[in-house]
Amino acid sequence: MFCAGVYGFVTRKNMIAMLISLELMLNAVDINFVLFNRYLYPEQQEGMFFTLFAIAIAAAETALAIAIIINVFRSVKNINAAELTQMKN
């Protein structure tokens, strides 16, 4: 799942698709936290709580990224990451 997210992030030019791929990578990491916690320490819940915290941070990051993408679209009328170099001028 993580490798699919990396592939999507590297190959996509659309910023929304890149954001979805980034979320896929974060979800794969969260699944690993839960699985390793259940395998190594089945009686403890630290991995579960850390995963809930990571999901909350990812939600805030997604909201901020979508706000940035909307502002980029309003000013440039394009959300392709390769063509955003014109904003530097």
PDB file of N, CA and C in Angstrom:
ATOM      1  N   MET A   1       0.830  -1.181   0.000  1.00  0.00           N
ATOM      2  CA  MET A   1       0.000   0.000   0.000  1.00  0.00           C
ATOM      3  C   MET A   1       0.879   1.250   0.000  1.00  0.00           C
ATOM      4  N   PHE A   2       1.951   1.211   0.775  1.00  0.00           N
ATOM      5  CA  PHE A   2       2.857   2.358   0.819  1.00  0.00           C
ATOM      6  C   PHE A   2       3.525   2.563  -0.539  1.00  0.00           C
ATOM      7  N   CYS A   3       3.942   1.472  -1.171  1.00  0.00           N
ATOM      8  CA  CYS A   3       4.603   1.569  -2.477  1.00  0.00           C
ATOM      9  C   CYS A   3       3.661   2.109  -3.540  1.00  0.00           C
ATOM     10  N   ALA A   4       2.382   1.741  -3.466  1.00  0.00           N
ATOM     11  CA  ALA A   4       1.394   2.291  -4.404  1.00  0.00           C
ATOM     12  C   ALA A   4       1.244   3.796  -4.198  1.00  0.00           C
ATOM     13  N   GLY A   5       1.294   4.249  -2.953  1.00  0.00           N
ATOM     14  CA  GLY A   5       1.235   5.678  -2.675  1.00  0.00           C
ATOM     15  C   GLY A   5       2.455   6.421  -3.181  1.00  0.00           C
ATOM     16  N   VAL A   6       3.629   5.832  -3.018  1.00  0.00           N
ATOM     17  CA  VAL A   6       4.859   6.455  -3.525  1.00  0.00           C
ATOM     18  C   VAL A   6       4.815   6.545  -5.041  1.00  0.00           C
ATOM     19  N   TYR A   7       4.394   5.455  -5.679  1.00  0.00           N
ATOM     20  CA  TYR A   7       4.284   5.457  -7.138  1.00  0.00           C
ATOM     21  C   TYR A   7       3.304   6.533  -7.616  1.00  0.00           C
ATOM     22  N   GLY A   8       2.160   6.627  -6.975  1.00  0.00           N
ATOM     23  CA  GLY A   8       1.179   7.643  -7.350  1.00  0.00           C
ATOM     24  C   GLY A   8       1.691   9.053  -7.120  1.00  0.00           C
ATOM     25  N   PHE A   9       2.430   9.257  -6.033  1.00  0.00           N
ATOM     26  CA  PHE A   9       2.952  10.592  -5.737  1.00  0.00           C
ATOM     27  C   PHE A   9       4.016  11.009  -6.753  1.00  0.00           C
ATOM     28  N   VAL A  10       4.844  10.078  -7.162  1.00  0.00           N
ATOM     29  CA  VAL A  10       5.931  10.389  -8.090  1.00  0.00           C
ATOM     30  C   VAL A  10       5.424  10.567  -9.514  1.00  0.00           C
ATOM     31  N   THR A  11       4.443   9.784  -9.929  1.00  0.00           N
ATOM     32  CA  THR A  11       4.021   9.810 -11.326  1.00  0.00           C
ATOM     33  C   THR A  11       2.921  10.817 -11.631  1.00  0.00           C
ATOM     34  N   ARG A  12       2.177  11.262 -10.666  1.00  0.00           N
ATOM     35  CA  ARG A  12       1.062  12.183 -10.924  1.00  0.00           C
ATOM     36  C   ARG A  12       1.554  13.620 -10.997  1.00  0.00           C
ATOM     37  N   LYS A  13       0.865  14.401 -11.827  1.00  0.00           N
ATOM     38  CA  LYS A  13       1.173  15.822 -11.932  1.00  0.00           C
ATOM     39  C   LYS A  13       0.077  16.676 -11.321  1.00  0.00           C
ATOM     40  N   ASN A  14      -1.088  16.104 -11.135  1.00  0.00           N
ATOM     41  CA  ASN A  14      -2.216  16.808 -10.539  1.00  0.00           C
ATOM     42  C   ASN A  14      -2.025  16.849  -9.023  1.00  0.00           C
ATOM     43  N   MET A  15      -2.176  18.013  -8.430  1.00  0.00           N
ATOM     44  CA  MET A  15      -1.914  18.151  -6.998  1.00  0.00           C
ATOM     45  C   MET A  15      -2.938  17.400  -6.152  1.00  0.00           C
ATOM     46  N   ILE A  16      -4.166  17.260  -6.615  1.00  0.00           N
ATOM     47  CA  ILE A  16      -5.163  16.490  -5.869  1.00  0.00           C
ATOM     48  C   ILE A  16      -4.779  15.010  -5.855  1.00  0.00           C
ATOM     49  N   ALA A  17      -4.344  14.484  -6.992  1.00  0.00           N
ATOM     50  CA  ALA A  17      -3.918  13.081  -7.053  1.00  0.00           C
ATOM     51  C   ALA A  17      -2.676  12.858  -6.192  1.00  0.00           C
ATOM     52  N   MET A  18      -1.795  13.842  -6.143  1.00  0.00           N
ATOM     53  CA  MET A  18      -0.617  13.738  -5.279  1.00  0.00           C
ATOM     54  C   MET A  18      -1.025  13.713  -3.809  1.00  0.00           C
ATOM     55  N   LEU A  19      -2.010  14.512  -3.455  1.00  0.00           N
ATOM     56  CA  LEU A  19      -2.509  14.533  -2.075  1.00  0.00           C
ATOM     57  C   LEU A  19      -3.155  13.202  -1.709  1.00  0.00           C
ATOM     58  N   ILE A  20      -3.911  12.616  -2.619  1.00  0.00           N
ATOM     59  CA  ILE A  20      -4.521  11.313  -2.361  1.00  0.00           C
ATOM     60  C   ILE A  20      -3.441  10.254  -2.179  1.00  0.00           C
ATOM     61  N   SER A  21      -2.392  10.305  -2.978  1.00  0.00           N
ATOM     62  CA  SER A  21      -1.296   9.352  -2.843  1.00  0.00           C
ATOM     63  C   SER A  21      -0.570   9.534  -1.510  1.00  0.00           C
ATOM     64  N   LEU A  22      -0.415  10.767  -1.086  1.00  0.00           N
ATOM     65  CA  LEU A  22       0.209  11.027   0.211  1.00  0.00           C
ATOM     66  C   LEU A  22      -0.644  10.463   1.342  1.00  0.00           C
ATOM     67  N   GLU A  23      -1.941  10.615   1.248  1.00  0.00           N
ATOM     68  CA  GLU A  23      -2.835  10.050   2.261  1.00  0.00           C
ATOM     69  C   GLU A  23      -2.779   8.523   2.259  1.00  0.00           C
ATOM     70  N   LEU A  24      -2.614   7.934   1.093  1.00  0.00           N
ATOM     71  CA  LEU A  24      -2.468   6.481   1.007  1.00  0.00           C
ATOM     72  C   LEU A  24      -1.204   6.022   1.735  1.00  0.00           C
ATOM     73  N   MET A  25      -0.128   6.774   1.588  1.00  0.00           N
ATOM     74  CA  MET A  25       1.109   6.441   2.302  1.00  0.00           C
ATOM     75  C   MET A  25       0.924   6.584   3.810  1.00  0.00           C
ATOM     76  N   LEU A  26       0.261   7.641   4.251  1.00  0.00           N
ATOM     77  CA  LEU A  26       0.036   7.832   5.682  1.00  0.00           C
ATOM     78  C   LEU A  26      -0.846   6.730   6.264  1.00  0.00           C
ATOM     79  N   ASN A  27      -1.846   6.302   5.522  1.00  0.00           N
ATOM     80  CA  ASN A  27      -2.703   5.215   5.996  1.00  0.00           C
ATOM     81  C   ASN A  27      -1.937   3.899   6.076  1.00  0.00           C
ATOM     82  N   ALA A  28      -1.021   3.661   5.147  1.00  0.00           N
ATOM     83  CA  ALA A  28      -0.205   2.446   5.214  1.00  0.00           C
ATOM     84  C   ALA A  28       0.672   2.456   6.460  1.00  0.00           C
ATOM     85  N   VAL A  29       1.204   3.603   6.811  1.00  0.00           N
ATOM     86  CA  VAL A  29       2.015   3.711   8.028  1.00  0.00           C
ATOM     87  C   VAL A  29       1.150   3.476   9.264  1.00  0.00           C
ATOM     88  N   ASP A  30      -0.050   4.007   9.267  1.00  0.00           N
ATOM     89  CA  ASP A  30      -0.956   3.798  10.403  1.00  0.00           C
ATOM     90  C   ASP A  30      -1.311   2.327  10.575  1.00  0.00           C
ATOM     91  N   ILE A  31      -1.541   1.645   9.473  1.00  0.00           N
ATOM     92  CA  ILE A  31      -1.821   0.206   9.551  1.00  0.00           C
ATOM     93  C   ILE A  31      -0.622  -0.538  10.133  1.00  0.00           C
ATOM     94  N   ASN A  32       0.578  -0.130   9.755  1.00  0.00           N
ATOM     95  CA  ASN A  32       1.781  -0.764  10.311  1.00  0.00           C
ATOM     96  C   ASN A  32       1.900  -0.518  11.808  1.00  0.00           C
ATOM     97  N   PHE A  33       1.565   0.689  12.258  1.00  0.00           N
ATOM     98  CA  PHE A  33       1.591   0.960  13.699  1.00  0.00           C
ATOM     99  C   PHE A  33       0.679  -0.003  14.451  1.00  0.00           C
ATOM    100  N   VAL A  34      -0.526  -0.174  13.954  1.00  0.00           N
ATOM    101  CA  VAL A  34      -1.489  -1.040  14.623  1.00  0.00           C
ATOM    102  C   VAL A  34      -1.033  -2.494  14.589  1.00  0.00           C
ATOM    103  N   LEU A  35      -0.579  -2.955  13.431  1.00  0.00           N
ATOM    104  CA  LEU A  35      -0.174  -4.352  13.311  1.00  0.00           C
ATOM    105  C   LEU A  35       1.040  -4.684  14.170  1.00  0.00           C
ATOM    106  N   PHE A  36       2.045  -3.815  14.178  1.00  0.00           N
ATOM    107  CA  PHE A  36       3.216  -4.085  15.004  1.00  0.00           C
ATOM    108  C   PHE A  36       2.879  -4.018  16.488  1.00  0.00           C
ATOM    109  N   ASN A  37       1.976  -3.128  16.857  1.00  0.00           N
ATOM    110  CA  ASN A  37       1.560  -3.068  18.254  1.00  0.00           C
ATOM    111  C   ASN A  37       0.849  -4.364  18.650  1.00  0.00           C
ATOM    112  N   ARG A  38      -0.055  -4.848  17.815  1.00  0.00           N
ATOM    113  CA  ARG A  38      -0.779  -6.086  18.138  1.00  0.00           C
ATOM    114  C   ARG A  38       0.150  -7.294  18.159  1.00  0.00           C
ATOM    115  N   TYR A  39       1.180  -7.285  17.307  1.00  0.00           N
ATOM    116  CA  TYR A  39       2.094  -8.417  17.242  1.00  0.00           C
ATOM    117  C   TYR A  39       3.100  -8.406  18.394  1.00  0.00           C
ATOM    118  N   LEU A  40       3.672  -7.253  18.677  1.00  0.00           N
ATOM    119  CA  LEU A  40       4.728  -7.183  19.693  1.00  0.00           C
ATOM    120  C   LEU A  40       4.189  -7.052  21.112  1.00  0.00           C
ATOM    121  N   TYR A  41       3.162  -6.230  21.293  1.00  0.00           N
ATOM    122  CA  TYR A  41       2.609  -5.972  22.626  1.00  0.00           C
ATOM    123  C   TYR A  41       1.083  -6.106  22.579  1.00  0.00           C
ATOM    124  N   PRO A  42       0.554  -7.314  22.558  1.00  0.00           N
ATOM    125  CA  PRO A  42      -0.899  -7.470  22.382  1.00  0.00           C
ATOM    126  C   PRO A  42      -1.733  -6.927  23.536  1.00  0.00           C
ATOM    127  N   GLU A  43      -1.164  -6.798  24.708  1.00  0.00           N
ATOM    128  CA  GLU A  43      -1.950  -6.330  25.843  1.00  0.00           C
ATOM    129  C   GLU A  43      -1.925  -4.805  25.997  1.00  0.00           C
ATOM    130  N   GLN A  44      -1.083  -4.110  25.244  1.00  0.00           N
ATOM    131  CA  GLN A  44      -0.980  -2.658  25.368  1.00  0.00           C
ATOM    132  C   GLN A  44      -1.641  -1.972  24.175  1.00  0.00           C
ATOM    133  N   GLN A  45      -1.949  -0.684  24.345  1.00  0.00           N
ATOM    134  CA  GLN A  45      -2.701   0.051  23.334  1.00  0.00           C
ATOM    135  C   GLN A  45      -1.949   1.259  22.776  1.00  0.00           C
ATOM    136  N   GLU A  46      -0.647   1.359  22.966  1.00  0.00           N
ATOM    137  CA  GLU A  46       0.085   2.553  22.533  1.00  0.00           C
ATOM    138  C   GLU A  46       0.019   2.760  21.029  1.00  0.00           C
ATOM    139  N   GLY A  47       0.122   1.683  20.267  1.00  0.00           N
ATOM    140  CA  GLY A  47       0.062   1.795  18.806  1.00  0.00           C
ATOM    141  C   GLY A  47      -1.275   2.303  18.323  1.00  0.00           C
ATOM    142  N   MET A  48      -2.338   1.888  19.000  1.00  0.00           N
ATOM    143  CA  MET A  48      -3.678   2.341  18.623  1.00  0.00           C
ATOM    144  C   MET A  48      -3.839   3.846  18.875  1.00  0.00           C
ATOM    145  N   PHE A  49      -3.378   4.301  20.029  1.00  0.00           N
ATOM    146  CA  PHE A  49      -3.502   5.722  20.347  1.00  0.00           C
ATOM    147  C   PHE A  49      -2.619   6.576  19.441  1.00  0.00           C
ATOM    148  N   PHE A  50      -1.432   6.085  19.140  1.00  0.00           N
ATOM    149  CA  PHE A  50      -0.553   6.826  18.242  1.00  0.00           C
ATOM    150  C   PHE A  50      -1.160   6.895  16.844  1.00  0.00           C
ATOM    151  N   THR A  51      -1.817   5.831  16.422  1.00  0.00           N
ATOM    152  CA  THR A  51      -2.475   5.829  15.124  1.00  0.00           C
ATOM    153  C   THR A  51      -3.625   6.827  15.090  1.00  0.00           C
ATOM    154  N   LEU A  52      -4.421   6.897  16.145  1.00  0.00           N
ATOM    155  CA  LEU A  52      -5.505   7.884  16.193  1.00  0.00           C
ATOM    156  C   LEU A  52      -4.959   9.309  16.139  1.00  0.00           C
ATOM    157  N   PHE A  53      -3.859   9.547  16.829  1.00  0.00           N
ATOM    158  CA  PHE A  53      -3.218  10.860  16.783  1.00  0.00           C
ATOM    159  C   PHE A  53      -2.712  11.156  15.378  1.00  0.00           C
ATOM    160  N   ALA A  54      -2.106  10.175  14.721  1.00  0.00           N
ATOM    161  CA  ALA A  54      -1.589  10.373  13.364  1.00  0.00           C
ATOM    162  C   ALA A  54      -2.724  10.624  12.374  1.00  0.00           C
ATOM    163  N   ILE A  55      -3.867   9.967  12.555  1.00  0.00           N
ATOM    164  CA  ILE A  55      -5.019  10.200  11.684  1.00  0.00           C
ATOM    165  C   ILE A  55      -5.546  11.621  11.865  1.00  0.00           C
ATOM    166  N   ALA A  56      -5.573  12.113  13.094  1.00  0.00           N
ATOM    167  CA  ALA A  56      -6.022  13.488  13.344  1.00  0.00           C
ATOM    168  C   ALA A  56      -5.077  14.499  12.700  1.00  0.00           C
ATOM    169  N   ILE A  57      -3.788  14.266  12.808  1.00  0.00           N
ATOM    170  CA  ILE A  57      -2.809  15.154  12.169  1.00  0.00           C
ATOM    171  C   ILE A  57      -2.943  15.101  10.652  1.00  0.00           C
ATOM    172  N   ALA A  58      -3.169  13.907  10.101  1.00  0.00           N
ATOM    173  CA  ALA A  58      -3.337  13.767   8.652  1.00  0.00           C
ATOM    174  C   ALA A  58      -4.583  14.497   8.165  1.00  0.00           C
ATOM    175  N   ALA A  59      -5.642  14.481   8.957  1.00  0.00           N
ATOM    176  CA  ALA A  59      -6.860  15.208   8.576  1.00  0.00           C
ATOM    177  C   ALA A  59      -6.611  16.712   8.546  1.00  0.00           C
ATOM    178  N   ALA A  60      -5.893  17.212   9.524  1.00  0.00           N
ATOM    179  CA  ALA A  60      -5.558  18.643   9.535  1.00  0.00           C
ATOM    180  C   ALA A  60      -4.648  19.003   8.367  1.00  0.00           C
ATOM    181  N   GLU A  61      -3.706  18.138   8.072  1.00  0.00           N
ATOM    182  CA  GLU A  61      -2.796  18.368   6.941  1.00  0.00           C
ATOM    183  C   GLU A  61      -3.560  18.366   5.633  1.00  0.00           C
ATOM    184  N   THR A  62      -4.530  17.489   5.491  1.00  0.00           N
ATOM    185  CA  THR A  62      -5.326  17.431   4.271  1.00  0.00           C
ATOM    186  C   THR A  62      -6.164  18.689   4.104  1.00  0.00           C
ATOM    187  N   ALA A  63      -6.763  19.163   5.175  1.00  0.00           N
ATOM    188  CA  ALA A  63      -7.563  20.392   5.096  1.00  0.00           C
ATOM    189  C   ALA A  63      -6.700  21.580   4.687  1.00  0.00           C
ATOM    190  N   LEU A  64      -5.512  21.668   5.245  1.00  0.00           N
ATOM    191  CA  LEU A  64      -4.604  22.755   4.884  1.00  0.00           C
ATOM    192  C   LEU A  64      -4.141  22.636   3.439  1.00  0.00           C
ATOM    193  N   ALA A  65      -3.824  21.427   2.997  1.00  0.00           N
ATOM    194  CA  ALA A  65      -3.374  21.227   1.618  1.00  0.00           C
ATOM    195  C   ALA A  65      -4.475  21.545   0.619  1.00  0.00           C
ATOM    196  N   ILE A  66      -5.701  21.176   0.928  1.00  0.00           N
ATOM    197  CA  ILE A  66      -6.807  21.487   0.018  1.00  0.00           C
ATOM    198  C   ILE A  66      -7.027  22.994  -0.055  1.00  0.00           C
ATOM    199  N   ALA A  67      -6.877  23.692   1.057  1.00  0.00           N
ATOM    200  CA  ALA A  67      -6.994  25.153   1.040  1.00  0.00           C
ATOM    201  C   ALA A  67      -5.909  25.782   0.173  1.00  0.00           C
ATOM    202  N   ILE A  68      -4.704  25.276   0.261  1.00  0.00           N
ATOM    203  CA  ILE A  68      -3.613  25.787  -0.573  1.00  0.00           C
ATOM    204  C   ILE A  68      -3.882  25.492  -2.040  1.00  0.00           C
ATOM    205  N   ILE A  69      -4.360  24.294  -2.347  1.00  0.00           N
ATOM    206  CA  ILE A  69      -4.654  23.931  -3.737  1.00  0.00           C
ATOM    207  C   ILE A  69      -5.764  24.817  -4.300  1.00  0.00           C
ATOM    208  N   ILE A  70      -6.779  25.112  -3.502  1.00  0.00           N
ATOM    209  CA  ILE A  70      -7.861  25.993  -3.968  1.00  0.00           C
ATOM    210  C   ILE A  70      -7.325  27.388  -4.249  1.00  0.00           C
ATOM    211  N   ASN A  71      -6.453  27.918  -3.398  1.00  0.00           N
ATOM    212  CA  ASN A  71      -5.875  29.244  -3.647  1.00  0.00           C
ATOM    213  C   ASN A  71      -4.979  29.250  -4.878  1.00  0.00           C
ATOM    214  N   VAL A  72      -4.237  28.176  -5.094  1.00  0.00           N
ATOM    215  CA  VAL A  72      -3.407  28.079  -6.306  1.00  0.00           C
ATOM    216  C   VAL A  72      -4.301  28.055  -7.538  1.00  0.00           C
ATOM    217  N   PHE A  73      -5.381  27.296  -7.474  1.00  0.00           N
ATOM    218  CA  PHE A  73      -6.286  27.221  -8.625  1.00  0.00           C
ATOM    219  C   PHE A  73      -6.930  28.573  -8.911  1.00  0.00           C
ATOM    220  N   ARG A  74      -7.287  29.307  -7.873  1.00  0.00           N
ATOM    221  CA  ARG A  74      -7.900  30.631  -8.078  1.00  0.00           C
ATOM    222  C   ARG A  74      -6.948  31.601  -8.750  1.00  0.00           C
ATOM    223  N   SER A  75      -5.660  31.505  -8.431  1.00  0.00           N
ATOM    224  CA  SER A  75      -4.721  32.469  -9.004  1.00  0.00           C
ATOM    225  C   SER A  75      -4.147  32.040 -10.349  1.00  0.00           C
ATOM    226  N   VAL A  76      -3.956  30.748 -10.559  1.00  0.00           N
ATOM    227  CA  VAL A  76      -3.290  30.273 -11.773  1.00  0.00           C
ATOM    228  C   VAL A  76      -4.256  29.584 -12.729  1.00  0.00           C
ATOM    229  N   LYS A  77      -5.402  29.109 -12.256  1.00  0.00           N
ATOM    230  CA  LYS A  77      -6.378  28.340 -13.021  1.00  0.00           C
ATOM    231  C   LYS A  77      -5.820  26.999 -13.499  1.00  0.00           C
ATOM    232  N   ASN A  78      -4.900  26.444 -12.714  1.00  0.00           N
ATOM    233  CA  ASN A  78      -4.291  25.167 -13.051  1.00  0.00           C
ATOM    234  C   ASN A  78      -3.759  24.549 -11.763  1.00  0.00           C
ATOM    235  N   ILE A  79      -3.870  23.229 -11.623  1.00  0.00           N
ATOM    236  CA  ILE A  79      -3.329  22.585 -10.420  1.00  0.00           C
ATOM    237  C   ILE A  79      -2.286  21.523 -10.761  1.00  0.00           C
ATOM    238  N   ASN A  80      -1.706  21.617 -11.944  1.00  0.00           N
ATOM    239  CA  ASN A  80      -0.611  20.721 -12.279  1.00  0.00           C
ATOM    240  C   ASN A  80       0.657  21.216 -11.605  1.00  0.00           C
ATOM    241  N   ALA A  81       1.317  20.336 -10.883  1.00  0.00           N
ATOM    242  CA  ALA A  81       2.483  20.723 -10.104  1.00  0.00           C
ATOM    243  C   ALA A  81       3.655  21.133 -10.989  1.00  0.00           C
ATOM    244  N   ALA A  82       3.764  20.559 -12.165  1.00  0.00           N
ATOM    245  CA  ALA A  82       4.884  20.877 -13.056  1.00  0.00           C
ATOM    246  C   ALA A  82       4.776  22.288 -13.630  1.00  0.00           C
ATOM    247  N   GLU A  83       3.575  22.826 -13.724  1.00  0.00           N
ATOM    248  CA  GLU A  83       3.381  24.137 -14.319  1.00  0.00           C
ATOM    249  C   GLU A  83       3.271  25.265 -13.309  1.00  0.00           C
ATOM    250  N   LEU A  84       3.564  25.015 -12.053  1.00  0.00           N
ATOM    251  CA  LEU A  84       3.431  26.051 -11.040  1.00  0.00           C
ATOM    252  C   LEU A  84       4.675  26.900 -10.873  1.00  0.00           C
ATOM    253  N   THR A  85       5.663  26.720 -11.715  1.00  0.00           N
ATOM    254  CA  THR A  85       6.865  27.556 -11.621  1.00  0.00           C
ATOM    255  C   THR A  85       6.583  28.986 -12.023  1.00  0.00           C
ATOM    256  N   GLN A  86       5.499  29.240 -12.748  1.00  0.00           N
ATOM    257  CA  GLN A  86       5.172  30.604 -13.134  1.00  0.00           C
ATOM    258  C   GLN A  86       4.747  31.465 -11.952  1.00  0.00           C
ATOM    259  N   MET A  87       4.409  30.841 -10.823  1.00  0.00           N
ATOM    260  CA  MET A  87       4.038  31.602  -9.635  1.00  0.00           C
ATOM    261  C   MET A  87       5.246  32.284  -8.995  1.00  0.00           C
ATOM    262  N   LYS A  88       6.445  31.856  -9.339  1.00  0.00           N
ATOM    263  CA  LYS A  88       7.646  32.443  -8.744  1.00  0.00           C
ATOM    264  C   LYS A  88       7.888  33.851  -9.234  1.00  0.00           C
ATOM    265  N   ASN A  89       7.356  34.207 -10.408  1.00  0.00           N
ATOM    266  CA  ASN A  89       7.597  35.540 -10.975  1.00  0.00           C
ATOM    267  C   ASN A  89       6.787  36.591 -10.299  1.00  0.00           C
TER     268      ASN A  89
END
